[in-house]
Amino acid sequence: MAQGGSPTTRRPLHGIHLLKAGTVDGLLGPDRDVLMETGIRGDPALFGAAAGLVRSQVLLRLSFGRAGPAGLVCIGTRKPDTFHPGLGSELLGFLARALAITITLWLNPEH
């Protein structure tokens, strides 16, 4: 709440969508944190109206601890050969961990 007891106004969060429970594990599998695919058609549930343009994607699991739900970062490109399974994923995994920490801090500002 803002000073004076009125609720704070939140800015709209464009590009953030809620997925059904289990979707992240369904897409990545329970033990994978990074999935790169080439020659695909984008999923509208992940890419919205831009799904028809997506031909290559990387999906990154965001982990918020054992009690928190999993998150997913979806990066898509029009070029079908941009992301492929042989591409190194260490930096993408680092990006996912850094994003998860940052989002956790945003959601829990007291910590």
PDB file of N, CA and C in Angstrom:
ATOM      1  N   MET A   1       0.840  -1.173   0.000  1.00  0.00           N
ATOM      2  CA  MET A   1       0.000   0.000   0.000  1.00  0.00           C
ATOM      3  C   MET A   1       0.889   1.242   0.000  1.00  0.00           C
ATOM      4  N   ALA A   2       0.468   2.225  -0.701  1.00  0.00           N
ATOM      5  CA  ALA A   2       1.184   3.489  -0.747  1.00  0.00           C
ATOM      6  C   ALA A   2       0.845   4.290   0.487  1.00  0.00           C
ATOM      7  N   GLN A   3       1.590   5.363   0.709  1.00  0.00           N
ATOM      8  CA  GLN A   3       1.300   6.223   1.846  1.00  0.00           C
ATOM      9  C   GLN A   3      -0.134   6.707   1.755  1.00  0.00           C
ATOM     10  N   GLY A   4      -0.801   6.820   2.893  1.00  0.00           N
ATOM     11  CA  GLY A   4      -2.178   7.266   2.910  1.00  0.00           C
ATOM     12  C   GLY A   4      -3.160   6.114   2.774  1.00  0.00           C
ATOM     13  N   GLY A   5      -2.669   4.878   2.685  1.00  0.00           N
ATOM     14  CA  GLY A   5      -3.544   3.721   2.680  1.00  0.00           C
ATOM     15  C   GLY A   5      -4.104   3.327   1.326  1.00  0.00           C
ATOM     16  N   SER A   6      -3.777   4.043   0.267  1.00  0.00           N
ATOM     17  CA  SER A   6      -4.305   3.655  -1.040  1.00  0.00           C
ATOM     18  C   SER A   6      -3.373   2.630  -1.684  1.00  0.00           C
ATOM     19  N   PRO A   7      -3.946   1.664  -2.397  1.00  0.00           N
ATOM     20  CA  PRO A   7      -3.089   0.650  -3.022  1.00  0.00           C
ATOM     21  C   PRO A   7      -2.227   1.263  -4.115  1.00  0.00           C
ATOM     22  N   THR A   8      -1.050   0.688  -4.285  1.00  0.00           N
ATOM     23  CA  THR A   8      -0.169   1.162  -5.352  1.00  0.00           C
ATOM     24  C   THR A   8      -0.685   0.666  -6.687  1.00  0.00           C
ATOM     25  N   THR A   9      -0.451   1.427  -7.722  1.00  0.00           N
ATOM     26  CA  THR A   9      -0.862   1.041  -9.060  1.00  0.00           C
ATOM     27  C   THR A   9       0.270   0.270  -9.712  1.00  0.00           C
ATOM     28  N   ARG A  10      -0.057  -0.898 -10.230  1.00  0.00           N
ATOM     29  CA  ARG A  10       0.951  -1.716 -10.905  1.00  0.00           C
ATOM     30  C   ARG A  10       0.882  -1.473 -12.393  1.00  0.00           C
ATOM     31  N   ARG A  11       2.045  -1.419 -12.998  1.00  0.00           N
ATOM     32  CA  ARG A  11       2.112  -1.299 -14.449  1.00  0.00           C
ATOM     33  C   ARG A  11       1.766  -2.644 -15.062  1.00  0.00           C
ATOM     34  N   PRO A  12       1.128  -2.637 -16.226  1.00  0.00           N
ATOM     35  CA  PRO A  12       0.839  -3.923 -16.880  1.00  0.00           C
ATOM     36  C   PRO A  12       2.132  -4.639 -17.257  1.00  0.00           C
ATOM     37  N   LEU A  13       2.120  -5.933 -17.140  1.00  0.00           N
ATOM     38  CA  LEU A  13       3.295  -6.742 -17.448  1.00  0.00           C
ATOM     39  C   LEU A  13       3.084  -7.407 -18.796  1.00  0.00           C
ATOM     40  N   HIS A  14       3.524  -6.767 -19.842  1.00  0.00           N
ATOM     41  CA  HIS A  14       3.373  -7.306 -21.185  1.00  0.00           C
ATOM     42  C   HIS A  14       4.335  -8.459 -21.389  1.00  0.00           C
ATOM     43  N   GLY A  15       3.850  -9.500 -22.026  1.00  0.00           N
ATOM     44  CA  GLY A  15       4.700 -10.640 -22.337  1.00  0.00           C
ATOM     45  C   GLY A  15       4.785 -11.676 -21.237  1.00  0.00           C
ATOM     46  N   ILE A  16       4.067 -11.487 -20.136  1.00  0.00           N
ATOM     47  CA  ILE A  16       4.062 -12.475 -19.055  1.00  0.00           C
ATOM     48  C   ILE A  16       2.707 -13.168 -19.065  1.00  0.00           C
ATOM     49  N   HIS A  17       2.742 -14.494 -19.145  1.00  0.00           N
ATOM     50  CA  HIS A  17       1.520 -15.287 -19.223  1.00  0.00           C
ATOM     51  C   HIS A  17       1.565 -16.376 -18.166  1.00  0.00           C
ATOM     52  N   LEU A  18       0.414 -16.722 -17.625  1.00  0.00           N
ATOM     53  CA  LEU A  18       0.325 -17.832 -16.685  1.00  0.00           C
ATOM     54  C   LEU A  18       0.094 -19.118 -17.467  1.00  0.00           C
ATOM     55  N   LEU A  19       0.823 -20.145 -17.107  1.00  0.00           N
ATOM     56  CA  LEU A  19       0.682 -21.460 -17.726  1.00  0.00           C
ATOM     57  C   LEU A  19       0.076 -22.416 -16.708  1.00  0.00           C
ATOM     58  N   LYS A  20      -0.573 -23.444 -17.192  1.00  0.00           N
ATOM     59  CA  LYS A  20      -1.139 -24.454 -16.302  1.00  0.00           C
ATOM     60  C   LYS A  20      -0.018 -25.154 -15.546  1.00  0.00           C
ATOM     61  N   ALA A  21      -0.325 -25.594 -14.333  1.00  0.00           N
ATOM     62  CA  ALA A  21       0.642 -26.332 -13.525  1.00  0.00           C
ATOM     63  C   ALA A  21       1.129 -27.545 -14.311  1.00  0.00           C
ATOM     64  N   GLY A  22       2.414 -27.783 -14.291  1.00  0.00           N
ATOM     65  CA  GLY A  22       3.012 -28.921 -14.978  1.00  0.00           C
ATOM     66  C   GLY A  22       3.440 -28.640 -16.408  1.00  0.00           C
ATOM     67  N   THR A  23       3.112 -27.461 -16.934  1.00  0.00           N
ATOM     68  CA  THR A  23       3.464 -27.141 -18.323  1.00  0.00           C
ATOM     69  C   THR A  23       4.970 -27.098 -18.532  1.00  0.00           C
ATOM     70  N   VAL A  24       5.698 -26.501 -17.605  1.00  0.00           N
ATOM     71  CA  VAL A  24       7.152 -26.380 -17.764  1.00  0.00           C
ATOM     72  C   VAL A  24       7.790 -27.769 -17.802  1.00  0.00           C
ATOM     73  N   ASP A  25       7.406 -28.650 -16.868  1.00  0.00           N
ATOM     74  CA  ASP A  25       7.933 -30.017 -16.885  1.00  0.00           C
ATOM     75  C   ASP A  25       7.496 -30.750 -18.149  1.00  0.00           C
ATOM     76  N   GLY A  26       6.289 -30.475 -18.616  1.00  0.00           N
ATOM     77  CA  GLY A  26       5.812 -31.111 -19.836  1.00  0.00           C
ATOM     78  C   GLY A  26       6.624 -30.710 -21.060  1.00  0.00           C
ATOM     79  N   LEU A  27       7.065 -29.462 -21.107  1.00  0.00           N
ATOM     80  CA  LEU A  27       7.851 -28.968 -22.237  1.00  0.00           C
ATOM     81  C   LEU A  27       9.321 -29.355 -22.144  1.00  0.00           C
ATOM     82  N   LEU A  28       9.896 -29.232 -20.960  1.00  0.00           N
ATOM     83  CA  LEU A  28      11.332 -29.459 -20.786  1.00  0.00           C
ATOM     84  C   LEU A  28      11.678 -30.845 -20.259  1.00  0.00           C
ATOM     85  N   GLY A  29      10.725 -31.482 -19.617  1.00  0.00           N
ATOM     86  CA  GLY A  29      11.024 -32.695 -18.867  1.00  0.00           C
ATOM     87  C   GLY A  29      11.393 -32.284 -17.451  1.00  0.00           C
ATOM     88  N   PRO A  30      11.301 -33.190 -16.504  1.00  0.00           N
ATOM     89  CA  PRO A  30      11.525 -32.819 -15.100  1.00  0.00           C
ATOM     90  C   PRO A  30      12.974 -32.484 -14.742  1.00  0.00           C
ATOM     91  N   ASP A  31      13.933 -32.945 -15.541  1.00  0.00           N
ATOM     92  CA  ASP A  31      15.342 -32.777 -15.186  1.00  0.00           C
ATOM     93  C   ASP A  31      16.113 -31.839 -16.104  1.00  0.00           C
ATOM     94  N   ARG A  32      15.470 -31.224 -17.078  1.00  0.00           N
ATOM     95  CA  ARG A  32      16.155 -30.357 -18.034  1.00  0.00           C
ATOM     96  C   ARG A  32      15.825 -28.899 -17.715  1.00  0.00           C
ATOM     97  N   ASP A  33      16.836 -28.042 -17.797  1.00  0.00           N
ATOM     98  CA  ASP A  33      16.641 -26.613 -17.541  1.00  0.00           C
ATOM     99  C   ASP A  33      16.700 -25.771 -18.803  1.00  0.00           C
ATOM    100  N   VAL A  34      17.277 -26.301 -19.873  1.00  0.00           N
ATOM    101  CA  VAL A  34      17.407 -25.575 -21.140  1.00  0.00           C
ATOM    102  C   VAL A  34      17.030 -26.531 -22.272  1.00  0.00           C
ATOM    103  N   LEU A  35      16.169 -26.065 -23.165  1.00  0.00           N
ATOM    104  CA  LEU A  35      15.801 -26.849 -24.343  1.00  0.00           C
ATOM    105  C   LEU A  35      15.949 -25.963 -25.570  1.00  0.00           C
ATOM    106  N   MET A  36      16.760 -26.418 -26.527  1.00  0.00           N
ATOM    107  CA  MET A  36      16.937 -25.695 -27.785  1.00  0.00           C
ATOM    108  C   MET A  36      16.387 -26.542 -28.913  1.00  0.00           C
ATOM    109  N   GLU A  37      15.588 -25.909 -29.781  1.00  0.00           N
ATOM    110  CA  GLU A  37      14.985 -26.628 -30.895  1.00  0.00           C
ATOM    111  C   GLU A  37      15.076 -25.801 -32.166  1.00  0.00           C
ATOM    112  N   THR A  38      15.215 -26.483 -33.258  1.00  0.00           N
ATOM    113  CA  THR A  38      15.299 -25.840 -34.559  1.00  0.00           C
ATOM    114  C   THR A  38      14.247 -26.441 -35.478  1.00  0.00           C
ATOM    115  N   GLY A  39      13.859 -25.689 -36.500  1.00  0.00           N
ATOM    116  CA  GLY A  39      12.886 -26.193 -37.455  1.00  0.00           C
ATOM    117  C   GLY A  39      11.530 -26.469 -36.841  1.00  0.00           C
ATOM    118  N   ILE A  40      11.070 -25.606 -35.969  1.00  0.00           N
ATOM    119  CA  ILE A  40       9.794 -25.815 -35.275  1.00  0.00           C
ATOM    120  C   ILE A  40       8.792 -24.737 -35.678  1.00  0.00           C
ATOM    121  N   ARG A  41       7.571 -24.897 -35.264  1.00  0.00           N
ATOM    122  CA  ARG A  41       6.550 -23.849 -35.361  1.00  0.00           C
ATOM    123  C   ARG A  41       6.279 -23.404 -33.938  1.00  0.00           C
ATOM    124  N   GLY A  42       6.316 -22.104 -33.715  1.00  0.00           N
ATOM    125  CA  GLY A  42       6.116 -21.573 -32.376  1.00  0.00           C
ATOM    126  C   GLY A  42       4.754 -21.915 -31.811  1.00  0.00           C
ATOM    127  N   ASP A  43       4.713 -22.127 -30.527  1.00  0.00           N
ATOM    128  CA  ASP A  43       3.478 -22.449 -29.814  1.00  0.00           C
ATOM    129  C   ASP A  43       2.799 -21.148 -29.394  1.00  0.00           C
ATOM    130  N   PRO A  44       1.545 -20.922 -29.776  1.00  0.00           N
ATOM    131  CA  PRO A  44       0.840 -19.694 -29.380  1.00  0.00           C
ATOM    132  C   PRO A  44       0.738 -19.514 -27.865  1.00  0.00           C
ATOM    133  N   ALA A  45       0.719 -20.612 -27.118  1.00  0.00           N
ATOM    134  CA  ALA A  45       0.677 -20.498 -25.661  1.00  0.00           C
ATOM    135  C   ALA A  45       1.954 -19.881 -25.112  1.00  0.00           C
ATOM    136  N   LEU A  46       3.056 -20.009 -25.854  1.00  0.00           N
ATOM    137  CA  LEU A  46       4.341 -19.477 -25.414  1.00  0.00           C
ATOM    138  C   LEU A  46       4.678 -18.144 -26.076  1.00  0.00           C
ATOM    139  N   PHE A  47       4.334 -17.994 -27.346  1.00  0.00           N
ATOM    140  CA  PHE A  47       4.755 -16.815 -28.109  1.00  0.00           C
ATOM    141  C   PHE A  47       3.605 -15.907 -28.535  1.00  0.00           C
ATOM    142  N   GLY A  48       2.394 -16.240 -28.159  1.00  0.00           N
ATOM    143  CA  GLY A  48       1.254 -15.393 -28.484  1.00  0.00           C
ATOM    144  C   GLY A  48       1.095 -15.199 -29.982  1.00  0.00           C
ATOM    145  N   ALA A  49       0.773 -13.973 -30.376  1.00  0.00           N
ATOM    146  CA  ALA A  49       0.529 -13.659 -31.776  1.00  0.00           C
ATOM    147  C   ALA A  49       1.771 -13.825 -32.653  1.00  0.00           C
ATOM    148  N   ALA A  50       2.954 -13.817 -32.061  1.00  0.00           N
ATOM    149  CA  ALA A  50       4.200 -13.965 -32.822  1.00  0.00           C
ATOM    150  C   ALA A  50       4.550 -15.430 -33.092  1.00  0.00           C
ATOM    151  N   ALA A  51       3.752 -16.366 -32.619  1.00  0.00           N
ATOM    152  CA  ALA A  51       4.077 -17.795 -32.757  1.00  0.00           C
ATOM    153  C   ALA A  51       4.296 -18.203 -34.203  1.00  0.00           C
ATOM    154  N   GLY A  52       3.547 -17.656 -35.124  1.00  0.00           N
ATOM    155  CA  GLY A  52       3.692 -18.015 -36.524  1.00  0.00           C
ATOM    156  C   GLY A  52       5.032 -17.644 -37.125  1.00  0.00           C
ATOM    157  N   LEU A  53       5.754 -16.747 -36.473  1.00  0.00           N
ATOM    158  CA  LEU A  53       7.065 -16.323 -36.960  1.00  0.00           C
ATOM    159  C   LEU A  53       8.204 -17.181 -36.424  1.00  0.00           C
ATOM    160  N   VAL A  54       7.959 -17.906 -35.343  1.00  0.00           N
ATOM    161  CA  VAL A  54       9.025 -18.623 -34.635  1.00  0.00           C
ATOM    162  C   VAL A  54       9.351 -19.936 -35.343  1.00  0.00           C
ATOM    163  N   ARG A  55      10.635 -20.092 -35.695  1.00  0.00           N
ATOM    164  CA  ARG A  55      11.126 -21.310 -36.354  1.00  0.00           C
ATOM    165  C   ARG A  55      12.235 -21.991 -35.552  1.00  0.00           C
ATOM    166  N   SER A  56      12.761 -21.316 -34.560  1.00  0.00           N
ATOM    167  CA  SER A  56      13.788 -21.874 -33.689  1.00  0.00           C
ATOM    168  C   SER A  56      13.565 -21.270 -32.309  1.00  0.00           C
ATOM    169  N   GLN A  57      13.749 -22.067 -31.255  1.00  0.00           N
ATOM    170  CA  GLN A  57      13.464 -21.550 -29.921  1.00  0.00           C
ATOM    171  C   GLN A  57      14.421 -22.110 -28.885  1.00  0.00           C
ATOM    172  N   VAL A  58      14.540 -21.356 -27.812  1.00  0.00           N
ATOM    173  CA  VAL A  58      15.198 -21.847 -26.607  1.00  0.00           C
ATOM    174  C   VAL A  58      14.222 -21.593 -25.464  1.00  0.00           C
ATOM    175  N   LEU A  59      14.025 -22.620 -24.643  1.00  0.00           N
ATOM    176  CA  LEU A  59      13.166 -22.529 -23.474  1.00  0.00           C
ATOM    177  C   LEU A  59      14.047 -22.685 -22.243  1.00  0.00           C
ATOM    178  N   LEU A  60      13.905 -21.772 -21.296  1.00  0.00           N
ATOM    179  CA  LEU A  60      14.737 -21.758 -20.086  1.00  0.00           C
ATOM    180  C   LEU A  60      13.849 -21.884 -18.857  1.00  0.00           C
ATOM    181  N   ARG A  61      14.135 -22.868 -18.019  1.00  0.00           N
ATOM    182  CA  ARG A  61      13.386 -23.028 -16.769  1.00  0.00           C
ATOM    183  C   ARG A  61      13.860 -21.984 -15.767  1.00  0.00           C
ATOM    184  N   LEU A  62      12.923 -21.346 -15.111  1.00  0.00           N
ATOM    185  CA  LEU A  62      13.223 -20.459 -13.992  1.00  0.00           C
ATOM    186  C   LEU A  62      12.812 -21.192 -12.721  1.00  0.00           C
ATOM    187  N   SER A  63      13.742 -21.385 -11.833  1.00  0.00           N
ATOM    188  CA  SER A  63      13.475 -22.108 -10.593  1.00  0.00           C
ATOM    189  C   SER A  63      13.430 -21.127  -9.436  1.00  0.00           C
ATOM    190  N   PHE A  64      12.324 -21.178  -8.699  1.00  0.00           N
ATOM    191  CA  PHE A  64      12.134 -20.278  -7.560  1.00  0.00           C
ATOM    192  C   PHE A  64      12.147 -21.034  -6.239  1.00  0.00           C
ATOM    193  N   GLY A  65      12.875 -22.110  -6.188  1.00  0.00           N
ATOM    194  CA  GLY A  65      12.965 -22.909  -4.976  1.00  0.00           C
ATOM    195  C   GLY A  65      11.964 -24.049  -4.998  1.00  0.00           C
ATOM    196  N   ARG A  66      12.077 -24.902  -4.003  1.00  0.00           N
ATOM    197  CA  ARG A  66      11.221 -26.097  -3.949  1.00  0.00           C
ATOM    198  C   ARG A  66       9.752 -25.763  -3.791  1.00  0.00           C
ATOM    199  N   ALA A  67       9.431 -24.700  -3.066  1.00  0.00           N
ATOM    200  CA  ALA A  67       8.034 -24.362  -2.796  1.00  0.00           C
ATOM    201  C   ALA A  67       7.407 -23.520  -3.907  1.00  0.00           C
ATOM    202  N   GLY A  68       8.224 -22.882  -4.725  1.00  0.00           N
ATOM    203  CA  GLY A  68       7.693 -21.987  -5.748  1.00  0.00           C
ATOM    204  C   GLY A  68       7.377 -22.690  -7.053  1.00  0.00           C
ATOM    205  N   PRO A  69       6.500 -22.098  -7.835  1.00  0.00           N
ATOM    206  CA  PRO A  69       6.212 -22.675  -9.152  1.00  0.00           C
ATOM    207  C   PRO A  69       7.386 -22.456 -10.098  1.00  0.00           C
ATOM    208  N   ALA A  70       7.477 -23.272 -11.105  1.00  0.00           N
ATOM    209  CA  ALA A  70       8.520 -23.093 -12.119  1.00  0.00           C
ATOM    210  C   ALA A  70       8.097 -21.976 -13.062  1.00  0.00           C
ATOM    211  N   GLY A  71       9.077 -21.275 -13.580  1.00  0.00           N
ATOM    212  CA  GLY A  71       8.837 -20.261 -14.590  1.00  0.00           C
ATOM    213  C   GLY A  71       9.496 -20.685 -15.886  1.00  0.00           C
ATOM    214  N   LEU A  72       9.197 -19.971 -16.956  1.00  0.00           N
ATOM    215  CA  LEU A  72       9.733 -20.325 -18.255  1.00  0.00           C
ATOM    216  C   LEU A  72      10.034 -19.054 -19.034  1.00  0.00           C
ATOM    217  N   VAL A  73      11.246 -18.970 -19.557  1.00  0.00           N
ATOM    218  CA  VAL A  73      11.617 -17.901 -20.483  1.00  0.00           C
ATOM    219  C   VAL A  73      11.639 -18.528 -21.866  1.00  0.00           C
ATOM    220  N   CYS A  74      10.943 -17.901 -22.809  1.00  0.00           N
ATOM    221  CA  CYS A  74      10.855 -18.413 -24.176  1.00  0.00           C
ATOM    222  C   CYS A  74      11.499 -17.393 -25.108  1.00  0.00           C
ATOM    223  N   ILE A  75      12.509 -17.823 -25.827  1.00  0.00           N
ATOM    224  CA  ILE A  75      13.184 -16.965 -26.794  1.00  0.00           C
ATOM    225  C   ILE A  75      13.011 -17.625 -28.155  1.00  0.00           C
ATOM    226  N   GLY A  76      12.434 -16.899 -29.089  1.00  0.00           N
ATOM    227  CA  GLY A  76      12.203 -17.449 -30.409  1.00  0.00           C
ATOM    228  C   GLY A  76      12.822 -16.578 -31.484  1.00  0.00           C
ATOM    229  N   THR A  77      13.109 -17.187 -32.619  1.00  0.00           N
ATOM    230  CA  THR A  77      13.681 -16.474 -33.748  1.00  0.00           C
ATOM    231  C   THR A  77      13.066 -16.990 -35.046  1.00  0.00           C
ATOM    232  N   ARG A  78      13.110 -16.151 -36.053  1.00  0.00           N
ATOM    233  CA  ARG A  78      12.584 -16.528 -37.374  1.00  0.00           C
ATOM    234  C   ARG A  78      13.507 -17.480 -38.116  1.00  0.00           C
ATOM    235  N   LYS A  79      14.781 -17.449 -37.797  1.00  0.00           N
ATOM    236  CA  LYS A  79      15.750 -18.309 -38.489  1.00  0.00           C
ATOM    237  C   LYS A  79      15.677 -19.722 -37.910  1.00  0.00           C
ATOM    238  N   PRO A  80      15.390 -20.728 -38.738  1.00  0.00           N
ATOM    239  CA  PRO A  80      15.198 -22.077 -38.211  1.00  0.00           C
ATOM    240  C   PRO A  80      16.453 -22.729 -37.633  1.00  0.00           C
ATOM    241  N   ASP A  81      17.632 -22.218 -37.908  1.00  0.00           N
ATOM    242  CA  ASP A  81      18.847 -22.875 -37.429  1.00  0.00           C
ATOM    243  C   ASP A  81      19.573 -22.098 -36.328  1.00  0.00           C
ATOM    244  N   THR A  82      18.890 -21.147 -35.690  1.00  0.00           N
ATOM    245  CA  THR A  82      19.557 -20.330 -34.664  1.00  0.00           C
ATOM    246  C   THR A  82      19.867 -21.129 -33.406  1.00  0.00           C
ATOM    247  N   PHE A  83      18.880 -21.803 -32.857  1.00  0.00           N
ATOM    248  CA  PHE A  83      19.064 -22.601 -31.644  1.00  0.00           C
ATOM    249  C   PHE A  83      18.957 -24.075 -32.023  1.00  0.00           C
ATOM    250  N   HIS A  84      19.975 -24.844 -31.672  1.00  0.00           N
ATOM    251  CA  HIS A  84      19.932 -26.272 -31.974  1.00  0.00           C
ATOM    252  C   HIS A  84      20.548 -27.027 -30.809  1.00  0.00           C
ATOM    253  N   PRO A  85      20.195 -28.303 -30.650  1.00  0.00           N
ATOM    254  CA  PRO A  85      20.638 -29.075 -29.484  1.00  0.00           C
ATOM    255  C   PRO A  85      22.144 -29.122 -29.272  1.00  0.00           C
ATOM    256  N   GLY A  86      22.967 -28.967 -30.296  1.00  0.00           N
ATOM    257  CA  GLY A  86      24.411 -29.011 -30.126  1.00  0.00           C
ATOM    258  C   GLY A  86      25.031 -27.721 -29.646  1.00  0.00           C
ATOM    259  N   LEU A  87      24.245 -26.671 -29.579  1.00  0.00           N
ATOM    260  CA  LEU A  87      24.728 -25.363 -29.148  1.00  0.00           C
ATOM    261  C   LEU A  87      24.985 -25.379 -27.642  1.00  0.00           C
ATOM    262  N   GLY A  88      26.068 -24.761 -27.194  1.00  0.00           N
ATOM    263  CA  GLY A  88      26.363 -24.704 -25.766  1.00  0.00           C
ATOM    264  C   GLY A  88      25.279 -23.971 -24.996  1.00  0.00           C
ATOM    265  N   SER A  89      24.926 -24.477 -23.840  1.00  0.00           N
ATOM    266  CA  SER A  89      23.822 -23.893 -23.071  1.00  0.00           C
ATOM    267  C   SER A  89      24.254 -23.291 -21.731  1.00  0.00           C
ATOM    268  N   GLU A  90      25.557 -23.252 -21.461  1.00  0.00           N
ATOM    269  CA  GLU A  90      26.012 -22.784 -20.151  1.00  0.00           C
ATOM    270  C   GLU A  90      25.593 -21.338 -19.885  1.00  0.00           C
ATOM    271  N   LEU A  91      25.782 -20.454 -20.854  1.00  0.00           N
ATOM    272  CA  LEU A  91      25.420 -19.052 -20.650  1.00  0.00           C
ATOM    273  C   LEU A  91      23.912 -18.859 -20.557  1.00  0.00           C
ATOM    274  N   LEU A  92      23.151 -19.651 -21.302  1.00  0.00           N
ATOM    275  CA  LEU A  92      21.699 -19.571 -21.201  1.00  0.00           C
ATOM    276  C   LEU A  92      21.233 -20.042 -19.826  1.00  0.00           C
ATOM    277  N   GLY A  93      21.848 -21.080 -19.293  1.00  0.00           N
ATOM    278  CA  GLY A  93      21.537 -21.539 -17.942  1.00  0.00           C
ATOM    279  C   GLY A  93      21.868 -20.478 -16.903  1.00  0.00           C
ATOM    280  N   PHE A  94      22.998 -19.800 -17.091  1.00  0.00           N
ATOM    281  CA  PHE A  94      23.374 -18.706 -16.193  1.00  0.00           C
ATOM    282  C   PHE A  94      22.343 -17.584 -16.259  1.00  0.00           C
ATOM    283  N   LEU A  95      21.900 -17.236 -17.473  1.00  0.00           N
ATOM    284  CA  LEU A  95      20.875 -16.213 -17.643  1.00  0.00           C
ATOM    285  C   LEU A  95      19.602 -16.589 -16.894  1.00  0.00           C
ATOM    286  N   ALA A  96      19.174 -17.839 -17.005  1.00  0.00           N
ATOM    287  CA  ALA A  96      17.965 -18.292 -16.316  1.00  0.00           C
ATOM    288  C   ALA A  96      18.114 -18.183 -14.802  1.00  0.00           C
ATOM    289  N   ARG A  97      19.264 -18.578 -14.269  1.00  0.00           N
ATOM    290  CA  ARG A  97      19.477 -18.483 -12.815  1.00  0.00           C
ATOM    291  C   ARG A  97      19.495 -17.033 -12.355  1.00  0.00           C
ATOM    292  N   ALA A  98      20.145 -16.153 -13.120  1.00  0.00           N
ATOM    293  CA  ALA A  98      20.192 -14.730 -12.763  1.00  0.00           C
ATOM    294  C   ALA A  98      18.800 -14.110 -12.816  1.00  0.00           C
ATOM    295  N   LEU A  99      18.014 -14.439 -13.821  1.00  0.00           N
ATOM    296  CA  LEU A  99      16.644 -13.929 -13.910  1.00  0.00           C
ATOM    297  C   LEU A  99      15.791 -14.418 -12.741  1.00  0.00           C
ATOM    298  N   ALA A 100      15.919 -15.691 -12.399  1.00  0.00           N
ATOM    299  CA  ALA A 100      15.142 -16.242 -11.287  1.00  0.00           C
ATOM    300  C   ALA A 100      15.470 -15.524  -9.979  1.00  0.00           C
ATOM    301  N   ILE A 101      16.742 -15.259  -9.730  1.00  0.00           N
ATOM    302  CA  ILE A 101      17.138 -14.538  -8.515  1.00  0.00           C
ATOM    303  C   ILE A 101      16.562 -13.127  -8.524  1.00  0.00           C
ATOM    304  N   THR A 102      16.655 -12.446  -9.659  1.00  0.00           N
ATOM    305  CA  THR A 102      16.149 -11.081  -9.767  1.00  0.00           C
ATOM    306  C   THR A 102      14.636 -11.038  -9.570  1.00  0.00           C
ATOM    307  N   ILE A 103      13.917 -11.950 -10.191  1.00  0.00           N
ATOM    308  CA  ILE A 103      12.457 -11.981 -10.037  1.00  0.00           C
ATOM    309  C   ILE A 103      12.081 -12.290  -8.596  1.00  0.00           C
ATOM    310  N   THR A 104      12.792 -13.198  -7.957  1.00  0.00           N
ATOM    311  CA  THR A 104      12.532 -13.510  -6.553  1.00  0.00           C
ATOM    312  C   THR A 104      12.695 -12.267  -5.690  1.00  0.00           C
ATOM    313  N   LEU A 105      13.728 -11.480  -5.960  1.00  0.00           N
ATOM    314  CA  LEU A 105      13.941 -10.244  -5.197  1.00  0.00           C
ATOM    315  C   LEU A 105      12.828  -9.230  -5.459  1.00  0.00           C
ATOM    316  N   TRP A 106      12.336  -9.160  -6.694  1.00  0.00           N
ATOM    317  CA  TRP A 106      11.227  -8.258  -7.006  1.00  0.00           C
ATOM    318  C   TRP A 106       9.961  -8.663  -6.262  1.00  0.00           C
ATOM    319  N   LEU A 107       9.718  -9.982  -6.180  1.00  0.00           N
ATOM    320  CA  LEU A 107       8.492 -10.472  -5.551  1.00  0.00           C
ATOM    321  C   LEU A 107       8.558 -10.445  -4.028  1.00  0.00           C
ATOM    322  N   ASN A 108       9.756 -10.499  -3.480  1.00  0.00           N
ATOM    323  CA  ASN A 108       9.953 -10.488  -2.026  1.00  0.00           C
ATOM    324  C   ASN A 108      10.915  -9.372  -1.649  1.00  0.00           C
ATOM    325  N   PRO A 109      10.475  -8.099  -1.723  1.00  0.00           N
ATOM    326  CA  PRO A 109      11.416  -6.985  -1.510  1.00  0.00           C
ATOM    327  C   PRO A 109      11.954  -6.898  -0.087  1.00  0.00           C
ATOM    328  N   GLU A 110      11.333  -7.570   0.886  1.00  0.00           N
ATOM    329  CA  GLU A 110      11.826  -7.499   2.276  1.00  0.00           C
ATOM    330  C   GLU A 110      13.085  -8.320   2.478  1.00  0.00           C
ATOM    331  N   HIS A 111      13.381  -9.243   1.580  1.00  0.00           N
ATOM    332  CA  HIS A 111      14.542 -10.125   1.760  1.00  0.00           C
ATOM    333  C   HIS A 111      15.751  -9.587   1.070  1.00  0.00           C
TER     334      HIS A 111
END
